[in-house]
Amino acid sequence: MRGMFSDACWSYFAGSKSMTDPLSPATAPFSPPGLLASLPPPPPGRTGWPWTVETSPDDYGTPPTSGRWPKLCIVCPSFRQGRFIEETLRSVLLQNYPALEFIVIDGGSDDETVPTLQKYSPWLTHWESQPDRGQSHALNKGFTHTTAELFGWINSDDYYLPGAFAALARRAKPGRMKRLFYGHHMQFDESTGRREAIRVPKVFAFEIYAGGFTLPSHATFWTAAAHQPFDESLQFIMDADLFKRITAAGAQVVRVDATLGVARLHQASKTATISGQGHVETQQWLARMTKRHWWLLWQCHRVLRRLRRMV
């Protein structure tokens, strides 16, 4: 597998602006009453989630039979999303997850990003700001810092909804099982203010690795045992590519029946600027599907999709 990716997928390069020791990951601060009172105050006029509202630590209840919650690592790749990143940071921290590693890898932004990261640095496991080779490279660097058992990825212009980690925790258990968790999600159009709720059906693993079913990165999590490096040659479908490889390698697919995250649509988002690149990368992936049984699984997914629309 290593031959498929550059060595950068497997190692971390020094020289970053960082507030923590990357060799000794620490969990983000946890407070039984919640972090809201200790975080920096929200900007004037910002109220509601995640500005003046937090997920109650009581929502997590009693840990699983192991007596502890699985450690969760969230990596946030960032580049010039300074006007959104504070909302993203707070949406992670105010989940009040009891065992969180939160890592931000910024590509050398020259906007409000670095001052915001400096402001929130006491609550971050690790952050850095230096030029990188793109989003996949940033994600690979981020996950080299973690000792967690559960992984998640949130872009710096997206955000999690209240209770997202609590809903995930009720389905996840500590251990070495290969699992991929996903839930419902939303899209928020910055220009119109319109929010669209998207419910995701229960699907079979083959619909992800061989079919056309794609999972939203802002509402998907996976275990460390299932993790693989991101393909740094991809600019747009690195999430779909990873989830296909994870499920093809035998990971169990688990749906979390809750709305977990929000994708923000705006003029500078990838969806608005390089969606054509996504089409090119998808066609290249389809061209590699030479095995006949993969083609048959693709057709099965199409049939299942039609049946779901009928019920």
C-alpha atoms as a PDB file:
ATOM      1  CA  MET A   1       0.000   0.000   0.000  1.00  0.00           C
ATOM      2  CA  ARG A   2       2.813   2.428   0.839  1.00  0.00           C
ATOM      3  CA  GLY A   3       4.033   2.407  -2.752  1.00  0.00           C
ATOM      4  CA  MET A   4       0.778   4.080  -3.815  1.00  0.00           C
ATOM      5  CA  PHE A   5       1.508   7.252  -1.872  1.00  0.00           C
ATOM      6  CA  SER A   6       4.357   9.676  -1.328  1.00  0.00           C
ATOM      7  CA  ASP A   7       6.508   9.367   1.778  1.00  0.00           C
ATOM      8  CA  ALA A   8       4.908  12.606   2.973  1.00  0.00           C
ATOM      9  CA  CYS A   9       1.772  10.599   3.700  1.00  0.00           C
ATOM     10  CA  TRP A  10       3.688   8.725   6.358  1.00  0.00           C
ATOM     11  CA  SER A  11       5.882  11.332   8.014  1.00  0.00           C
ATOM     12  CA  TYR A  12       5.644  14.793   9.531  1.00  0.00           C
ATOM     13  CA  PHE A  13       7.866  17.681   8.475  1.00  0.00           C
ATOM     14  CA  ALA A  14       9.061  20.060  11.193  1.00  0.00           C
ATOM     15  CA  GLY A  15       9.237  23.847  11.100  1.00  0.00           C
ATOM     16  CA  SER A  16       5.636  24.721  11.856  1.00  0.00           C
ATOM     17  CA  LYS A  17       4.096  27.405  14.008  1.00  0.00           C
ATOM     18  CA  SER A  18       2.793  25.136  16.733  1.00  0.00           C
ATOM     19  CA  MET A  19       1.660  25.553  20.309  1.00  0.00           C
ATOM     20  CA  THR A  20       1.991  21.895  21.319  1.00  0.00           C
ATOM     21  CA  ASP A  21       4.490  19.058  21.089  1.00  0.00           C
ATOM     22  CA  PRO A  22       3.527  16.908  18.059  1.00  0.00           C
ATOM     23  CA  LEU A  23       5.353  13.917  19.521  1.00  0.00           C
ATOM     24  CA  SER A  24       3.241  13.895  22.688  1.00  0.00           C
ATOM     25  CA  PRO A  25      -0.415  14.419  21.723  1.00  0.00           C
ATOM     26  CA  ALA A  26      -2.605  15.611  24.580  1.00  0.00           C
ATOM     27  CA  THR A  27      -6.356  15.667  24.746  1.00  0.00           C
ATOM     28  CA  ALA A  28      -8.072  19.037  24.536  1.00  0.00           C
ATOM     29  CA  PRO A  29      -9.094  20.484  27.907  1.00  0.00           C
ATOM     30  CA  PHE A  30     -12.316  19.021  29.284  1.00  0.00           C
ATOM     31  CA  SER A  31     -14.464  20.687  31.910  1.00  0.00           C
ATOM     32  CA  PRO A  32     -17.367  18.856  33.583  1.00  0.00           C
ATOM     33  CA  PRO A  33     -19.495  22.042  33.535  1.00  0.00           C
ATOM     34  CA  GLY A  34     -18.581  22.600  29.858  1.00  0.00           C
ATOM     35  CA  LEU A  35     -16.085  24.812  28.025  1.00  0.00           C
ATOM     36  CA  LEU A  36     -18.392  27.670  27.054  1.00  0.00           C
ATOM     37  CA  ALA A  37     -17.506  29.865  30.014  1.00  0.00           C
ATOM     38  CA  SER A  38     -13.743  29.434  29.495  1.00  0.00           C
ATOM     39  CA  LEU A  39     -13.537  29.992  25.725  1.00  0.00           C
ATOM     40  CA  PRO A  40     -12.937  33.472  24.270  1.00  0.00           C
ATOM     41  CA  PRO A  41     -16.178  35.468  24.054  1.00  0.00           C
ATOM     42  CA  PRO A  42     -17.987  35.336  20.697  1.00  0.00           C
ATOM     43  CA  PRO A  43     -17.830  38.280  18.287  1.00  0.00           C
ATOM     44  CA  PRO A  44     -20.463  40.969  18.872  1.00  0.00           C
ATOM     45  CA  GLY A  45     -23.897  39.968  17.689  1.00  0.00           C
ATOM     46  CA  ARG A  46     -23.167  36.240  17.387  1.00  0.00           C
ATOM     47  CA  THR A  47     -25.543  34.091  19.423  1.00  0.00           C
ATOM     48  CA  GLY A  48     -26.847  30.535  19.397  1.00  0.00           C
ATOM     49  CA  TRP A  49     -24.764  27.539  18.326  1.00  0.00           C
ATOM     50  CA  PRO A  50     -21.757  27.526  18.630  1.00  0.00           C
ATOM     51  CA  TRP A  51     -21.438  31.020  20.120  1.00  0.00           C
ATOM     52  CA  THR A  52     -23.558  31.088  23.256  1.00  0.00           C
ATOM     53  CA  VAL A  53     -24.772  27.469  23.292  1.00  0.00           C
ATOM     54  CA  GLU A  54     -22.867  24.256  24.030  1.00  0.00           C
ATOM     55  CA  THR A  55     -23.553  20.522  24.152  1.00  0.00           C
ATOM     56  CA  SER A  56     -24.046  19.565  27.784  1.00  0.00           C
ATOM     57  CA  PRO A  57     -21.378  17.145  29.077  1.00  0.00           C
ATOM     58  CA  ASP A  58     -24.291  15.291  30.705  1.00  0.00           C
ATOM     59  CA  ASP A  59     -25.438  14.254  27.221  1.00  0.00           C
ATOM     60  CA  TYR A  60     -22.676  11.637  27.141  1.00  0.00           C
ATOM     61  CA  GLY A  61     -24.059   9.732  30.103  1.00  0.00           C
ATOM     62  CA  THR A  62     -22.187   6.654  31.289  1.00  0.00           C
ATOM     63  CA  PRO A  63     -19.142   5.496  29.264  1.00  0.00           C
ATOM     64  CA  PRO A  64     -19.275   2.146  27.432  1.00  0.00           C
ATOM     65  CA  THR A  65     -18.591  -1.144  29.203  1.00  0.00           C
ATOM     66  CA  SER A  66     -14.849  -0.452  28.987  1.00  0.00           C
ATOM     67  CA  GLY A  67     -15.354   2.420  31.417  1.00  0.00           C
ATOM     68  CA  ARG A  68     -14.050   5.124  29.091  1.00  0.00           C
ATOM     69  CA  TRP A  69     -14.993   6.957  25.937  1.00  0.00           C
ATOM     70  CA  PRO A  70     -12.914   6.193  22.825  1.00  0.00           C
ATOM     71  CA  LYS A  71     -10.418   8.969  22.164  1.00  0.00           C
ATOM     72  CA  LEU A  72     -11.574  11.026  19.167  1.00  0.00           C
ATOM     73  CA  CYS A  73      -9.245  13.009  16.894  1.00  0.00           C
ATOM     74  CA  ILE A  74     -10.625  15.766  14.672  1.00  0.00           C
ATOM     75  CA  VAL A  75      -8.291  17.176  12.016  1.00  0.00           C
ATOM     76  CA  CYS A  76      -9.155  20.515  10.441  1.00  0.00           C
ATOM     77  CA  PRO A  77      -7.291  21.362   7.197  1.00  0.00           C
ATOM     78  CA  SER A  78      -7.368  25.096   6.579  1.00  0.00           C
ATOM     79  CA  PHE A  79      -6.382  27.714   4.035  1.00  0.00           C
ATOM     80  CA  ARG A  80      -7.651  31.295   3.924  1.00  0.00           C
ATOM     81  CA  GLN A  81     -10.984  30.637   5.605  1.00  0.00           C
ATOM     82  CA  GLY A  82     -10.361  33.145   8.385  1.00  0.00           C
ATOM     83  CA  ARG A  83     -13.893  34.502   8.430  1.00  0.00           C
ATOM     84  CA  PHE A  84     -15.324  31.023   9.067  1.00  0.00           C
ATOM     85  CA  ILE A  85     -12.738  29.154  11.112  1.00  0.00           C
ATOM     86  CA  GLU A  86     -13.736  30.447  14.540  1.00  0.00           C
ATOM     87  CA  GLU A  87     -17.204  28.971  14.092  1.00  0.00           C
ATOM     88  CA  THR A  88     -15.605  25.694  13.054  1.00  0.00           C
ATOM     89  CA  LEU A  89     -13.312  25.617  16.095  1.00  0.00           C
ATOM     90  CA  ARG A  90     -16.120  26.334  18.519  1.00  0.00           C
ATOM     91  CA  SER A  91     -18.374  23.715  16.924  1.00  0.00           C
ATOM     92  CA  VAL A  92     -15.741  21.116  17.781  1.00  0.00           C
ATOM     93  CA  LEU A  93     -14.755  22.339  21.237  1.00  0.00           C
ATOM     94  CA  LEU A  94     -18.302  22.978  22.436  1.00  0.00           C
ATOM     95  CA  GLN A  95     -19.243  19.365  21.780  1.00  0.00           C
ATOM     96  CA  ASN A  96     -17.557  18.936  25.195  1.00  0.00           C
ATOM     97  CA  TYR A  97     -16.363  15.483  24.211  1.00  0.00           C
ATOM     98  CA  PRO A  98     -14.531  13.936  27.195  1.00  0.00           C
ATOM     99  CA  ALA A  99     -11.552  12.551  25.219  1.00  0.00           C
ATOM    100  CA  LEU A 100     -10.796  14.852  22.288  1.00  0.00           C
ATOM    101  CA  GLU A 101      -7.668  15.545  20.253  1.00  0.00           C
ATOM    102  CA  PHE A 102      -8.182  18.591  18.028  1.00  0.00           C
ATOM    103  CA  ILE A 103      -5.545  19.331  15.370  1.00  0.00           C
ATOM    104  CA  VAL A 104      -5.548  22.218  12.870  1.00  0.00           C
ATOM    105  CA  ILE A 105      -3.222  22.189   9.849  1.00  0.00           C
ATOM    106  CA  ASP A 106      -3.233  25.537   8.061  1.00  0.00           C
ATOM    107  CA  GLY A 107      -1.489  26.032   4.728  1.00  0.00           C
ATOM    108  CA  GLY A 108       0.093  29.384   5.562  1.00  0.00           C
ATOM    109  CA  SER A 109      -2.973  31.627   5.492  1.00  0.00           C
ATOM    110  CA  ASP A 110      -2.448  35.390   5.404  1.00  0.00           C
ATOM    111  CA  ASP A 111      -5.937  36.341   6.639  1.00  0.00           C
ATOM    112  CA  GLU A 112      -7.529  36.156  10.109  1.00  0.00           C
ATOM    113  CA  THR A 113      -6.742  32.445  10.471  1.00  0.00           C
ATOM    114  CA  VAL A 114      -3.485  32.579  12.448  1.00  0.00           C
ATOM    115  CA  PRO A 115      -4.693  35.174  14.989  1.00  0.00           C
ATOM    116  CA  THR A 116      -7.786  33.033  15.531  1.00  0.00           C
ATOM    117  CA  LEU A 117      -5.691  29.899  16.045  1.00  0.00           C
ATOM    118  CA  GLN A 118      -3.473  31.768  18.486  1.00  0.00           C
ATOM    119  CA  LYS A 119      -6.560  32.851  20.417  1.00  0.00           C
ATOM    120  CA  TYR A 120      -7.828  29.275  20.701  1.00  0.00           C
ATOM    121  CA  SER A 121      -4.428  27.580  21.075  1.00  0.00           C
ATOM    122  CA  PRO A 122      -4.931  26.591  24.764  1.00  0.00           C
ATOM    123  CA  TRP A 123      -7.754  24.318  23.634  1.00  0.00           C
ATOM    124  CA  LEU A 124      -5.986  22.785  20.611  1.00  0.00           C
ATOM    125  CA  THR A 125      -3.875  19.641  20.752  1.00  0.00           C
ATOM    126  CA  HIS A 126      -1.697  20.920  17.912  1.00  0.00           C
ATOM    127  CA  TRP A 127      -1.852  23.626  15.289  1.00  0.00           C
ATOM    128  CA  GLU A 128       0.503  24.886  12.620  1.00  0.00           C
ATOM    129  CA  SER A 129       0.532  27.347   9.757  1.00  0.00           C
ATOM    130  CA  GLN A 130       2.975  26.785   6.904  1.00  0.00           C
ATOM    131  CA  PRO A 131       2.764  26.148   3.162  1.00  0.00           C
ATOM    132  CA  ASP A 132       1.730  22.631   2.201  1.00  0.00           C
ATOM    133  CA  ARG A 133       0.873  20.706  -0.943  1.00  0.00           C
ATOM    134  CA  GLY A 134      -2.878  20.923  -0.535  1.00  0.00           C
ATOM    135  CA  GLN A 135      -5.757  19.546   1.477  1.00  0.00           C
ATOM    136  CA  SER A 136      -4.801  15.863   1.296  1.00  0.00           C
ATOM    137  CA  HIS A 137      -1.253  16.663   2.401  1.00  0.00           C
ATOM    138  CA  ALA A 138      -2.612  18.691   5.323  1.00  0.00           C
ATOM    139  CA  LEU A 139      -4.848  15.814   6.384  1.00  0.00           C
ATOM    140  CA  ASN A 140      -1.996  13.326   6.217  1.00  0.00           C
ATOM    141  CA  LYS A 141       0.166  15.604   8.345  1.00  0.00           C
ATOM    142  CA  GLY A 142      -2.640  16.096  10.839  1.00  0.00           C
ATOM    143  CA  PHE A 143      -3.343  12.439  11.439  1.00  0.00           C
ATOM    144  CA  THR A 144       0.334  11.694  12.106  1.00  0.00           C
ATOM    145  CA  HIS A 145      -0.053  13.631  15.381  1.00  0.00           C
ATOM    146  CA  THR A 146      -2.810  11.512  16.866  1.00  0.00           C
ATOM    147  CA  THR A 147      -3.023   8.598  19.280  1.00  0.00           C
ATOM    148  CA  ALA A 148      -6.818   8.442  19.033  1.00  0.00           C
ATOM    149  CA  GLU A 149      -9.064   5.487  18.247  1.00  0.00           C
ATOM    150  CA  LEU A 150     -11.662   7.451  16.253  1.00  0.00           C
ATOM    151  CA  PHE A 151     -10.918   9.879  13.429  1.00  0.00           C
ATOM    152  CA  GLY A 152     -12.912  12.717  11.914  1.00  0.00           C
ATOM    153  CA  TRP A 153     -12.242  15.578   9.510  1.00  0.00           C
ATOM    154  CA  ILE A 154     -13.906  18.985   9.374  1.00  0.00           C
ATOM    155  CA  ASN A 155     -13.057  21.663   6.825  1.00  0.00           C
ATOM    156  CA  SER A 156     -12.413  25.148   8.181  1.00  0.00           C
ATOM    157  CA  ASP A 157     -15.541  26.563   6.528  1.00  0.00           C
ATOM    158  CA  ASP A 158     -17.858  23.762   7.721  1.00  0.00           C
ATOM    159  CA  TYR A 159     -19.072  23.010  11.234  1.00  0.00           C
ATOM    160  CA  TYR A 160     -20.552  20.318  13.442  1.00  0.00           C
ATOM    161  CA  LEU A 161     -24.023  20.542  14.944  1.00  0.00           C
ATOM    162  CA  PRO A 162     -24.732  20.343  18.693  1.00  0.00           C
ATOM    163  CA  GLY A 163     -24.761  16.810  20.031  1.00  0.00           C
ATOM    164  CA  ALA A 164     -22.899  15.367  17.032  1.00  0.00           C
ATOM    165  CA  PHE A 165     -20.136  13.723  19.067  1.00  0.00           C
ATOM    166  CA  ALA A 166     -22.619  12.489  21.684  1.00  0.00           C
ATOM    167  CA  ALA A 167     -24.606  10.748  18.923  1.00  0.00           C
ATOM    168  CA  LEU A 168     -21.382   9.231  17.559  1.00  0.00           C
ATOM    169  CA  ALA A 169     -20.246   8.108  21.016  1.00  0.00           C
ATOM    170  CA  ARG A 170     -23.442   6.129  21.527  1.00  0.00           C
ATOM    171  CA  ARG A 171     -22.552   3.980  18.487  1.00  0.00           C
ATOM    172  CA  ALA A 172     -18.773   3.752  18.915  1.00  0.00           C
ATOM    173  CA  LYS A 173     -16.817   1.629  21.354  1.00  0.00           C
ATOM    174  CA  PRO A 174     -13.103   1.531  22.180  1.00  0.00           C
ATOM    175  CA  GLY A 175     -11.210  -1.203  20.375  1.00  0.00           C
ATOM    176  CA  ARG A 176      -9.484  -2.240  17.175  1.00  0.00           C
ATOM    177  CA  MET A 177     -12.486  -2.895  14.928  1.00  0.00           C
ATOM    178  CA  LYS A 178     -12.551  -1.456  11.406  1.00  0.00           C
ATOM    179  CA  ARG A 179     -15.635   0.735  11.252  1.00  0.00           C
ATOM    180  CA  LEU A 180     -16.915   3.687   9.244  1.00  0.00           C
ATOM    181  CA  PHE A 181     -19.621   5.838  10.860  1.00  0.00           C
ATOM    182  CA  TYR A 182     -21.795   8.307   8.981  1.00  0.00           C
ATOM    183  CA  GLY A 183     -24.882  10.384   9.693  1.00  0.00           C
ATOM    184  CA  HIS A 184     -27.279  12.900   8.209  1.00  0.00           C
ATOM    185  CA  HIS A 185     -26.046  16.371   7.310  1.00  0.00           C
ATOM    186  CA  MET A 186     -27.021  19.814   6.056  1.00  0.00           C
ATOM    187  CA  GLN A 187     -25.940  22.328   3.429  1.00  0.00           C
ATOM    188  CA  PHE A 188     -25.934  26.041   4.150  1.00  0.00           C
ATOM    189  CA  ASP A 189     -25.850  28.491   1.244  1.00  0.00           C
ATOM    190  CA  GLU A 190     -23.992  31.571   2.448  1.00  0.00           C
ATOM    191  CA  SER A 191     -25.403  33.785  -0.314  1.00  0.00           C
ATOM    192  CA  THR A 192     -29.083  33.010   0.261  1.00  0.00           C
ATOM    193  CA  GLY A 193     -29.142  31.861   3.891  1.00  0.00           C
ATOM    194  CA  ARG A 194     -30.955  28.698   2.790  1.00  0.00           C
ATOM    195  CA  ARG A 195     -30.404  25.498   4.768  1.00  0.00           C
ATOM    196  CA  GLU A 196     -31.107  22.087   3.280  1.00  0.00           C
ATOM    197  CA  ALA A 197     -31.376  18.992   5.459  1.00  0.00           C
ATOM    198  CA  ILE A 198     -30.083  15.816   3.791  1.00  0.00           C
ATOM    199  CA  ARG A 199     -31.078  12.469   5.281  1.00  0.00           C
ATOM    200  CA  VAL A 200     -28.787   9.588   4.430  1.00  0.00           C
ATOM    201  CA  PRO A 201     -30.184   6.043   4.127  1.00  0.00           C
ATOM    202  CA  LYS A 202     -28.679   2.877   5.501  1.00  0.00           C
ATOM    203  CA  VAL A 203     -26.379   1.466   2.839  1.00  0.00           C
ATOM    204  CA  PHE A 204     -24.227  -1.582   2.264  1.00  0.00           C
ATOM    205  CA  ALA A 205     -20.455  -1.244   2.217  1.00  0.00           C
ATOM    206  CA  PHE A 206     -20.290  -2.224  -1.465  1.00  0.00           C
ATOM    207  CA  GLU A 207     -22.432   0.812  -2.336  1.00  0.00           C
ATOM    208  CA  ILE A 208     -19.605   2.991  -1.046  1.00  0.00           C
ATOM    209  CA  TYR A 209     -16.560   1.199  -2.452  1.00  0.00           C
ATOM    210  CA  ALA A 210     -18.033   0.086  -5.773  1.00  0.00           C
ATOM    211  CA  GLY A 211     -21.245   2.055  -6.130  1.00  0.00           C
ATOM    212  CA  GLY A 212     -21.986   5.710  -6.529  1.00  0.00           C
ATOM    213  CA  PHE A 213     -22.857   6.395  -2.897  1.00  0.00           C
ATOM    214  CA  THR A 214     -20.737   9.160  -1.387  1.00  0.00           C
ATOM    215  CA  LEU A 215     -20.447  10.185   2.252  1.00  0.00           C
ATOM    216  CA  PRO A 216     -20.159  13.783   3.518  1.00  0.00           C
ATOM    217  CA  SER A 217     -16.794  14.349   5.204  1.00  0.00           C
ATOM    218  CA  HIS A 218     -18.397  16.663   7.791  1.00  0.00           C
ATOM    219  CA  ALA A 219     -20.682  13.826   8.972  1.00  0.00           C
ATOM    220  CA  THR A 220     -18.346  10.826   8.662  1.00  0.00           C
ATOM    221  CA  PHE A 221     -15.954   9.251  11.173  1.00  0.00           C
ATOM    222  CA  TRP A 222     -13.816   6.121  11.115  1.00  0.00           C
ATOM    223  CA  THR A 223     -11.698   4.049  13.457  1.00  0.00           C
ATOM    224  CA  ALA A 224      -7.916   4.227  13.620  1.00  0.00           C
ATOM    225  CA  ALA A 225      -7.812   0.550  12.691  1.00  0.00           C
ATOM    226  CA  ALA A 226      -9.534   1.387   9.387  1.00  0.00           C
ATOM    227  CA  HIS A 227      -7.477   4.486   8.557  1.00  0.00           C
ATOM    228  CA  GLN A 228      -5.387   4.782   5.407  1.00  0.00           C
ATOM    229  CA  PRO A 229      -3.393   7.758   4.076  1.00  0.00           C
ATOM    230  CA  PHE A 230      -5.147  10.261   1.857  1.00  0.00           C
ATOM    231  CA  ASP A 231      -4.147  10.213  -1.817  1.00  0.00           C
ATOM    232  CA  GLU A 232      -2.271  13.486  -2.289  1.00  0.00           C
ATOM    233  CA  SER A 233      -2.771  13.445  -6.062  1.00  0.00           C
ATOM    234  CA  LEU A 234      -6.478  14.233  -5.507  1.00  0.00           C
ATOM    235  CA  GLN A 235      -7.802  17.761  -5.020  1.00  0.00           C
ATOM    236  CA  PHE A 236     -11.550  17.159  -4.812  1.00  0.00           C
ATOM    237  CA  ILE A 237     -12.632  13.542  -4.187  1.00  0.00           C
ATOM    238  CA  MET A 238     -10.042  12.637  -1.546  1.00  0.00           C
ATOM    239  CA  ASP A 239     -12.869  11.927   0.905  1.00  0.00           C
ATOM    240  CA  ALA A 240     -14.764   9.615  -1.460  1.00  0.00           C
ATOM    241  CA  ASP A 241     -11.508   7.891  -2.393  1.00  0.00           C
ATOM    242  CA  LEU A 242     -10.597   7.269   1.260  1.00  0.00           C
ATOM    243  CA  PHE A 243     -14.034   5.967   2.200  1.00  0.00           C
ATOM    244  CA  LYS A 244     -14.040   3.653  -0.822  1.00  0.00           C
ATOM    245  CA  ARG A 245     -10.671   2.198   0.182  1.00  0.00           C
ATOM    246  CA  ILE A 246     -11.701   1.841   3.823  1.00  0.00           C
ATOM    247  CA  THR A 247     -14.874  -0.079   2.962  1.00  0.00           C
ATOM    248  CA  ALA A 248     -13.133  -2.154   0.275  1.00  0.00           C
ATOM    249  CA  ALA A 249     -10.687  -3.233   2.998  1.00  0.00           C
ATOM    250  CA  GLY A 250     -13.560  -4.681   5.021  1.00  0.00           C
ATOM    251  CA  ALA A 251     -14.654  -1.903   7.378  1.00  0.00           C
ATOM    252  CA  GLN A 252     -18.127  -2.277   8.844  1.00  0.00           C
ATOM    253  CA  VAL A 253     -20.489   0.569   7.892  1.00  0.00           C
ATOM    254  CA  VAL A 254     -22.554   2.059  10.731  1.00  0.00           C
ATOM    255  CA  ARG A 255     -25.186   4.756  10.304  1.00  0.00           C
ATOM    256  CA  VAL A 256     -25.642   7.263  13.125  1.00  0.00           C
ATOM    257  CA  ASP A 257     -29.278   8.339  12.977  1.00  0.00           C
ATOM    258  CA  ALA A 258     -28.640  12.004  13.745  1.00  0.00           C
ATOM    259  CA  THR A 259     -27.763  15.169  11.810  1.00  0.00           C
ATOM    260  CA  LEU A 260     -24.061  15.674  12.502  1.00  0.00           C
ATOM    261  CA  GLY A 261     -22.575  18.460  10.398  1.00  0.00           C
ATOM    262  CA  VAL A 262     -23.101  21.350   8.003  1.00  0.00           C
ATOM    263  CA  ALA A 263     -21.303  22.076   4.724  1.00  0.00           C
ATOM    264  CA  ARG A 264     -21.116  25.769   3.897  1.00  0.00           C
ATOM    265  CA  LEU A 265     -21.509  26.791   0.260  1.00  0.00           C
ATOM    266  CA  HIS A 266     -19.861  30.116  -0.600  1.00  0.00           C
ATOM    267  CA  GLN A 267     -18.014  31.750  -3.480  1.00  0.00           C
ATOM    268  CA  ALA A 268     -14.563  30.579  -2.394  1.00  0.00           C
ATOM    269  CA  SER A 269     -15.535  26.988  -1.535  1.00  0.00           C
ATOM    270  CA  LYS A 270     -14.207  24.122  -3.615  1.00  0.00           C
ATOM    271  CA  THR A 271     -17.732  23.219  -4.680  1.00  0.00           C
ATOM    272  CA  ALA A 272     -17.998  26.662  -6.275  1.00  0.00           C
ATOM    273  CA  THR A 273     -14.472  26.948  -7.695  1.00  0.00           C
ATOM    274  CA  ILE A 274     -13.132  23.539  -8.800  1.00  0.00           C
ATOM    275  CA  SER A 275     -16.141  21.221  -9.042  1.00  0.00           C
ATOM    276  CA  GLY A 276     -15.001  20.411 -12.581  1.00  0.00           C
ATOM    277  CA  GLN A 277     -11.866  18.856 -11.103  1.00  0.00           C
ATOM    278  CA  GLY A 278     -14.114  16.557  -9.091  1.00  0.00           C
ATOM    279  CA  HIS A 279     -15.739  15.336 -12.296  1.00  0.00           C
ATOM    280  CA  VAL A 280     -12.328  14.647 -13.855  1.00  0.00           C
ATOM    281  CA  GLU A 281     -11.120  12.705 -10.800  1.00  0.00           C
ATOM    282  CA  THR A 282     -14.357  10.705 -10.663  1.00  0.00           C
ATOM    283  CA  GLN A 283     -14.049   9.725 -14.317  1.00  0.00           C
ATOM    284  CA  GLN A 284     -10.471   8.643 -13.724  1.00  0.00           C
ATOM    285  CA  TRP A 285     -11.614   6.484 -10.813  1.00  0.00           C
ATOM    286  CA  LEU A 286     -14.357   4.905 -12.920  1.00  0.00           C
ATOM    287  CA  ALA A 287     -11.820   4.108 -15.629  1.00  0.00           C
ATOM    288  CA  ARG A 288      -9.881   2.020 -13.109  1.00  0.00           C
ATOM    289  CA  MET A 289     -12.920  -0.139 -12.343  1.00  0.00           C
ATOM    290  CA  THR A 290     -11.887  -2.947 -14.658  1.00  0.00           C
ATOM    291  CA  LYS A 291     -13.111  -5.901 -12.607  1.00  0.00           C
ATOM    292  CA  ARG A 292     -16.458  -7.184 -13.798  1.00  0.00           C
ATOM    293  CA  HIS A 293     -17.793  -7.858 -10.287  1.00  0.00           C
ATOM    294  CA  TRP A 294     -17.237  -4.186  -9.398  1.00  0.00           C
ATOM    295  CA  TRP A 295     -19.343  -3.184 -12.400  1.00  0.00           C
ATOM    296  CA  LEU A 296     -22.090  -5.572 -11.227  1.00  0.00           C
ATOM    297  CA  LEU A 297     -21.978  -4.080  -7.713  1.00  0.00           C
ATOM    298  CA  TRP A 298     -22.315  -0.611  -9.233  1.00  0.00           C
ATOM    299  CA  GLN A 299     -25.471  -1.740 -11.032  1.00  0.00           C
ATOM    300  CA  CYS A 300     -26.816  -3.255  -7.806  1.00  0.00           C
ATOM    301  CA  HIS A 301     -26.331   0.078  -6.086  1.00  0.00           C
ATOM    302  CA  ARG A 302     -28.289   1.830  -8.833  1.00  0.00           C
ATOM    303  CA  VAL A 303     -31.179  -0.616  -8.364  1.00  0.00           C
ATOM    304  CA  LEU A 304     -31.155  -0.138  -4.588  1.00  0.00           C
ATOM    305  CA  ARG A 305     -31.134   3.632  -5.024  1.00  0.00           C
ATOM    306  CA  ARG A 306     -34.247   3.462  -7.220  1.00  0.00           C
ATOM    307  CA  LEU A 307     -36.018   1.196  -4.703  1.00  0.00           C
ATOM    308  CA  ARG A 308     -35.257   3.574  -1.834  1.00  0.00           C
ATOM    309  CA  ARG A 309     -36.822   6.436  -3.773  1.00  0.00           C
ATOM    310  CA  MET A 310     -40.007   4.400  -4.183  1.00  0.00           C
ATOM    311  CA  VAL A 311     -40.584   3.792  -0.470  1.00  0.00           C
END
